Amino acid sequence: MLVLALDTATPASTAALVEVTADGLFGVAESRTVDPRAHGEKLAPEVCV
């Protein structure tokens, strides 16, 4: 199963894709940007990467 995690609680916005298997969690991709006033504008391109 793939899980998309989004975090916008701080000035940085983060998008991460993790694969969950019986053996554990494996990071597939991660993108992080810092712009405290543009989470919406920055988050969409991070998800499309």
PDB file of N, CA and C in Angstrom:
ATOM      1  N   MET A   1       0.849  -1.164   0.000  1.00  0.00           N
ATOM      2  CA  MET A   1       0.000   0.000   0.000  1.00  0.00           C
ATOM      3  C   MET A   1       0.896   1.227   0.000  1.00  0.00           C
ATOM      4  N   LEU A   2       0.523   2.225  -0.755  1.00  0.00           N
ATOM      5  CA  LEU A   2       1.238   3.494  -0.770  1.00  0.00           C
ATOM      6  C   LEU A   2       0.484   4.511   0.071  1.00  0.00           C
ATOM      7  N   VAL A   3       1.229   5.309   0.836  1.00  0.00           N
ATOM      8  CA  VAL A   3       0.629   6.339   1.689  1.00  0.00           C
ATOM      9  C   VAL A   3       1.256   7.675   1.316  1.00  0.00           C
ATOM     10  N   LEU A   4       0.422   8.672   1.058  1.00  0.00           N
ATOM     11  CA  LEU A   4       0.870  10.030   0.788  1.00  0.00           C
ATOM     12  C   LEU A   4       0.702  10.830   2.064  1.00  0.00           C
ATOM     13  N   ALA A   5       1.796  11.364   2.581  1.00  0.00           N
ATOM     14  CA  ALA A   5       1.763  12.159   3.812  1.00  0.00           C
ATOM     15  C   ALA A   5       2.040  13.613   3.461  1.00  0.00           C
ATOM     16  N   LEU A   6       1.219  14.511   3.994  1.00  0.00           N
ATOM     17  CA  LEU A   6       1.368  15.948   3.766  1.00  0.00           C
ATOM     18  C   LEU A   6       1.488  16.646   5.115  1.00  0.00           C
ATOM     19  N   ASP A   7       2.412  17.598   5.221  1.00  0.00           N
ATOM     20  CA  ASP A   7       2.577  18.347   6.461  1.00  0.00           C
ATOM     21  C   ASP A   7       2.722  19.819   6.126  1.00  0.00           C
ATOM     22  N   THR A   8       1.816  20.635   6.678  1.00  0.00           N
ATOM     23  CA  THR A   8       1.873  22.087   6.477  1.00  0.00           C
ATOM     24  C   THR A   8       1.776  22.817   7.808  1.00  0.00           C
ATOM     25  N   ALA A   9       2.155  22.167   8.894  1.00  0.00           N
ATOM     26  CA  ALA A   9       2.001  22.741  10.235  1.00  0.00           C
ATOM     27  C   ALA A   9       3.070  23.779  10.567  1.00  0.00           C
ATOM     28  N   THR A  10       4.139  23.833   9.807  1.00  0.00           N
ATOM     29  CA  THR A  10       5.220  24.784  10.055  1.00  0.00           C
ATOM     30  C   THR A  10       5.428  25.616   8.801  1.00  0.00           C
ATOM     31  N   PRO A  11       6.370  26.553   8.788  1.00  0.00           N
ATOM     32  CA  PRO A  11       6.632  27.306   7.553  1.00  0.00           C
ATOM     33  C   PRO A  11       7.060  26.420   6.382  1.00  0.00           C
ATOM     34  N   ALA A  12       7.551  25.233   6.672  1.00  0.00           N
ATOM     35  CA  ALA A  12       7.908  24.296   5.600  1.00  0.00           C
ATOM     36  C   ALA A  12       6.695  23.444   5.253  1.00  0.00           C
ATOM     37  N   SER A  13       6.554  23.122   3.983  1.00  0.00           N
ATOM     38  CA  SER A  13       5.520  22.172   3.570  1.00  0.00           C
ATOM     39  C   SER A  13       6.231  20.941   3.019  1.00  0.00           C
ATOM     40  N   THR A  14       5.743  19.781   3.406  1.00  0.00           N
ATOM     41  CA  THR A  14       6.388  18.530   3.041  1.00  0.00           C
ATOM     42  C   THR A  14       5.366  17.578   2.444  1.00  0.00           C
ATOM     43  N   ALA A  15       5.769  16.893   1.388  1.00  0.00           N
ATOM     44  CA  ALA A  15       4.979  15.818   0.806  1.00  0.00           C
ATOM     45  C   ALA A  15       5.885  14.600   0.734  1.00  0.00           C
ATOM     46  N   ALA A  16       5.399  13.467   1.226  1.00  0.00           N
ATOM     47  CA  ALA A  16       6.198  12.244   1.206  1.00  0.00           C
ATOM     48  C   ALA A  16       5.330  11.080   0.765  1.00  0.00           C
ATOM     49  N   LEU A  17       5.928  10.174   0.026  1.00  0.00           N
ATOM     50  CA  LEU A  17       5.260   8.959  -0.413  1.00  0.00           C
ATOM     51  C   LEU A  17       5.985   7.783   0.227  1.00  0.00           C
ATOM     52  N   VAL A  18       5.231   6.944   0.946  1.00  0.00           N
ATOM     53  CA  VAL A  18       5.803   5.819   1.679  1.00  0.00           C
ATOM     54  C   VAL A  18       5.093   4.547   1.249  1.00  0.00           C
ATOM     55  N   GLU A  19       5.863   3.480   1.056  1.00  0.00           N
ATOM     56  CA  GLU A  19       5.279   2.164   0.774  1.00  0.00           C
ATOM     57  C   GLU A  19       5.234   1.377   2.076  1.00  0.00           C
ATOM     58  N   VAL A  20       4.047   0.882   2.409  1.00  0.00           N
ATOM     59  CA  VAL A  20       3.855   0.084   3.615  1.00  0.00           C
ATOM     60  C   VAL A  20       3.772  -1.385   3.201  1.00  0.00           C
ATOM     61  N   THR A  21       4.683  -2.197   3.740  1.00  0.00           N
ATOM     62  CA  THR A  21       4.693  -3.627   3.440  1.00  0.00           C
ATOM     63  C   THR A  21       4.706  -4.403   4.754  1.00  0.00           C
ATOM     64  N   ALA A  22       4.655  -5.704   4.669  1.00  0.00           N
ATOM     65  CA  ALA A  22       4.721  -6.544   5.863  1.00  0.00           C
ATOM     66  C   ALA A  22       6.073  -6.403   6.559  1.00  0.00           C
ATOM     67  N   ASP A  23       7.109  -5.984   5.810  1.00  0.00           N
ATOM     68  CA  ASP A  23       8.449  -5.816   6.371  1.00  0.00           C
ATOM     69  C   ASP A  23       8.681  -4.449   6.988  1.00  0.00           C
ATOM     70  N   GLY A  24       7.752  -3.513   6.790  1.00  0.00           N
ATOM     71  CA  GLY A  24       7.902  -2.186   7.368  1.00  0.00           C
ATOM     72  C   GLY A  24       7.578  -1.083   6.380  1.00  0.00           C
ATOM     73  N   LEU A  25       8.112   0.111   6.674  1.00  0.00           N
ATOM     74  CA  LEU A  25       7.884   1.295   5.849  1.00  0.00           C
ATOM     75  C   LEU A  25       9.122   1.587   5.019  1.00  0.00           C
ATOM     76  N   PHE A  26       8.905   1.966   3.765  1.00  0.00           N
ATOM     77  CA  PHE A  26      10.004   2.303   2.877  1.00  0.00           C
ATOM     78  C   PHE A  26       9.688   3.625   2.182  1.00  0.00           C
ATOM     79  N   GLY A  27      10.563   4.603   2.355  1.00  0.00           N
ATOM     80  CA  GLY A  27      10.371   5.901   1.719  1.00  0.00           C
ATOM     81  C   GLY A  27      10.562   5.800   0.216  1.00  0.00           C
ATOM     82  N   VAL A  28       9.585   6.281  -0.535  1.00  0.00           N
ATOM     83  CA  VAL A  28       9.651   6.253  -1.992  1.00  0.00           C
ATOM     84  C   VAL A  28      10.110   7.605  -2.521  1.00  0.00           C
ATOM     85  N   ALA A  29       9.511   8.692  -1.996  1.00  0.00           N
ATOM     86  CA  ALA A  29       9.862  10.040  -2.459  1.00  0.00           C
ATOM     87  C   ALA A  29       9.518  11.045  -1.371  1.00  0.00           C
ATOM     88  N   GLU A  30      10.247  12.161  -1.380  1.00  0.00           N
ATOM     89  CA  GLU A  30       9.985  13.239  -0.422  1.00  0.00           C
ATOM     90  C   GLU A  30      10.360  14.558  -1.068  1.00  0.00           C
ATOM     91  N   SER A  31       9.546  15.576  -0.794  1.00  0.00           N
ATOM     92  CA  SER A  31       9.827  16.911  -1.289  1.00  0.00           C
ATOM     93  C   SER A  31       9.492  17.899  -0.183  1.00  0.00           C
ATOM     94  N   ARG A  32      10.360  18.898  -0.013  1.00  0.00           N
ATOM     95  CA  ARG A  32      10.177  19.865   1.065  1.00  0.00           C
ATOM     96  C   ARG A  32      10.503  21.255   0.548  1.00  0.00           C
ATOM     97  N   THR A  33       9.652  22.223   0.861  1.00  0.00           N
ATOM     98  CA  THR A  33       9.917  23.624   0.528  1.00  0.00           C
ATOM     99  C   THR A  33       9.590  24.472   1.750  1.00  0.00           C
ATOM    100  N   VAL A  34      10.231  25.633   1.832  1.00  0.00           N
ATOM    101  CA  VAL A  34       9.978  26.544   2.948  1.00  0.00           C
ATOM    102  C   VAL A  34       9.473  27.861   2.383  1.00  0.00           C
ATOM    103  N   ASP A  35       8.225  28.172   2.689  1.00  0.00           N
ATOM    104  CA  ASP A  35       7.606  29.442   2.329  1.00  0.00           C
ATOM    105  C   ASP A  35       6.357  29.567   3.190  1.00  0.00           C
ATOM    106  N   PRO A  36       6.431  30.303   4.283  1.00  0.00           N
ATOM    107  CA  PRO A  36       5.331  30.325   5.252  1.00  0.00           C
ATOM    108  C   PRO A  36       4.018  30.900   4.729  1.00  0.00           C
ATOM    109  N   ARG A  37       4.021  31.552   3.583  1.00  0.00           N
ATOM    110  CA  ARG A  37       2.801  32.183   3.089  1.00  0.00           C
ATOM    111  C   ARG A  37       2.261  31.569   1.804  1.00  0.00           C
ATOM    112  N   ALA A  38       2.805  30.450   1.377  1.00  0.00           N
ATOM    113  CA  ALA A  38       2.388  29.896   0.085  1.00  0.00           C
ATOM    114  C   ALA A  38       2.282  28.375   0.117  1.00  0.00           C
ATOM    115  N   HIS A  39       1.712  27.830   1.177  1.00  0.00           N
ATOM    116  CA  HIS A  39       1.606  26.378   1.266  1.00  0.00           C
ATOM    117  C   HIS A  39       0.813  25.787   0.099  1.00  0.00           C
ATOM    118  N   GLY A  40      -0.305  26.369  -0.207  1.00  0.00           N
ATOM    119  CA  GLY A  40      -1.142  25.852  -1.289  1.00  0.00           C
ATOM    120  C   GLY A  40      -0.440  25.878  -2.635  1.00  0.00           C
ATOM    121  N   GLU A  41       0.243  26.978  -2.926  1.00  0.00           N
ATOM    122  CA  GLU A  41       0.934  27.115  -4.201  1.00  0.00           C
ATOM    123  C   GLU A  41       2.130  26.170  -4.299  1.00  0.00           C
ATOM    124  N   LYS A  42       2.776  25.888  -3.193  1.00  0.00           N
ATOM    125  CA  LYS A  42       3.968  25.047  -3.191  1.00  0.00           C
ATOM    126  C   LYS A  42       3.633  23.559  -3.075  1.00  0.00           C
ATOM    127  N   LEU A  43       2.533  23.237  -2.423  1.00  0.00           N
ATOM    128  CA  LEU A  43       2.217  21.834  -2.151  1.00  0.00           C
ATOM    129  C   LEU A  43       1.776  21.064  -3.401  1.00  0.00           C
ATOM    130  N   ALA A  44       0.992  21.674  -4.263  1.00  0.00           N
ATOM    131  CA  ALA A  44       0.498  20.965  -5.451  1.00  0.00           C
ATOM    132  C   ALA A  44       1.634  20.452  -6.332  1.00  0.00           C
ATOM    133  N   PRO A  45       2.645  21.243  -6.666  1.00  0.00           N
ATOM    134  CA  PRO A  45       3.748  20.709  -7.472  1.00  0.00           C
ATOM    135  C   PRO A  45       4.526  19.604  -6.739  1.00  0.00           C
ATOM    136  N   GLU A  46       4.613  19.669  -5.419  1.00  0.00           N
ATOM    137  CA  GLU A  46       5.308  18.632  -4.672  1.00  0.00           C
ATOM    138  C   GLU A  46       4.586  17.296  -4.813  1.00  0.00           C
ATOM    139  N   VAL A  47       3.279  17.311  -4.824  1.00  0.00           N
ATOM    140  CA  VAL A  47       2.502  16.087  -4.942  1.00  0.00           C
ATOM    141  C   VAL A  47       2.611  15.512  -6.353  1.00  0.00           C
ATOM    142  N   CYS A  48       2.766  16.357  -7.351  1.00  0.00           N
ATOM    143  CA  CYS A  48       2.822  15.900  -8.732  1.00  0.00           C
ATOM    144  C   CYS A  48       4.198  15.419  -9.158  1.00  0.00           C
ATOM    145  N   VAL A  49       5.186  15.512  -8.293  1.00  0.00           N
ATOM    146  CA  VAL A  49       6.560  15.103  -8.648  1.00  0.00           C
ATOM    147  C   VAL A  49       6.630  13.621  -8.864  1.00  0.00           C
TER     148      VAL A  49
END
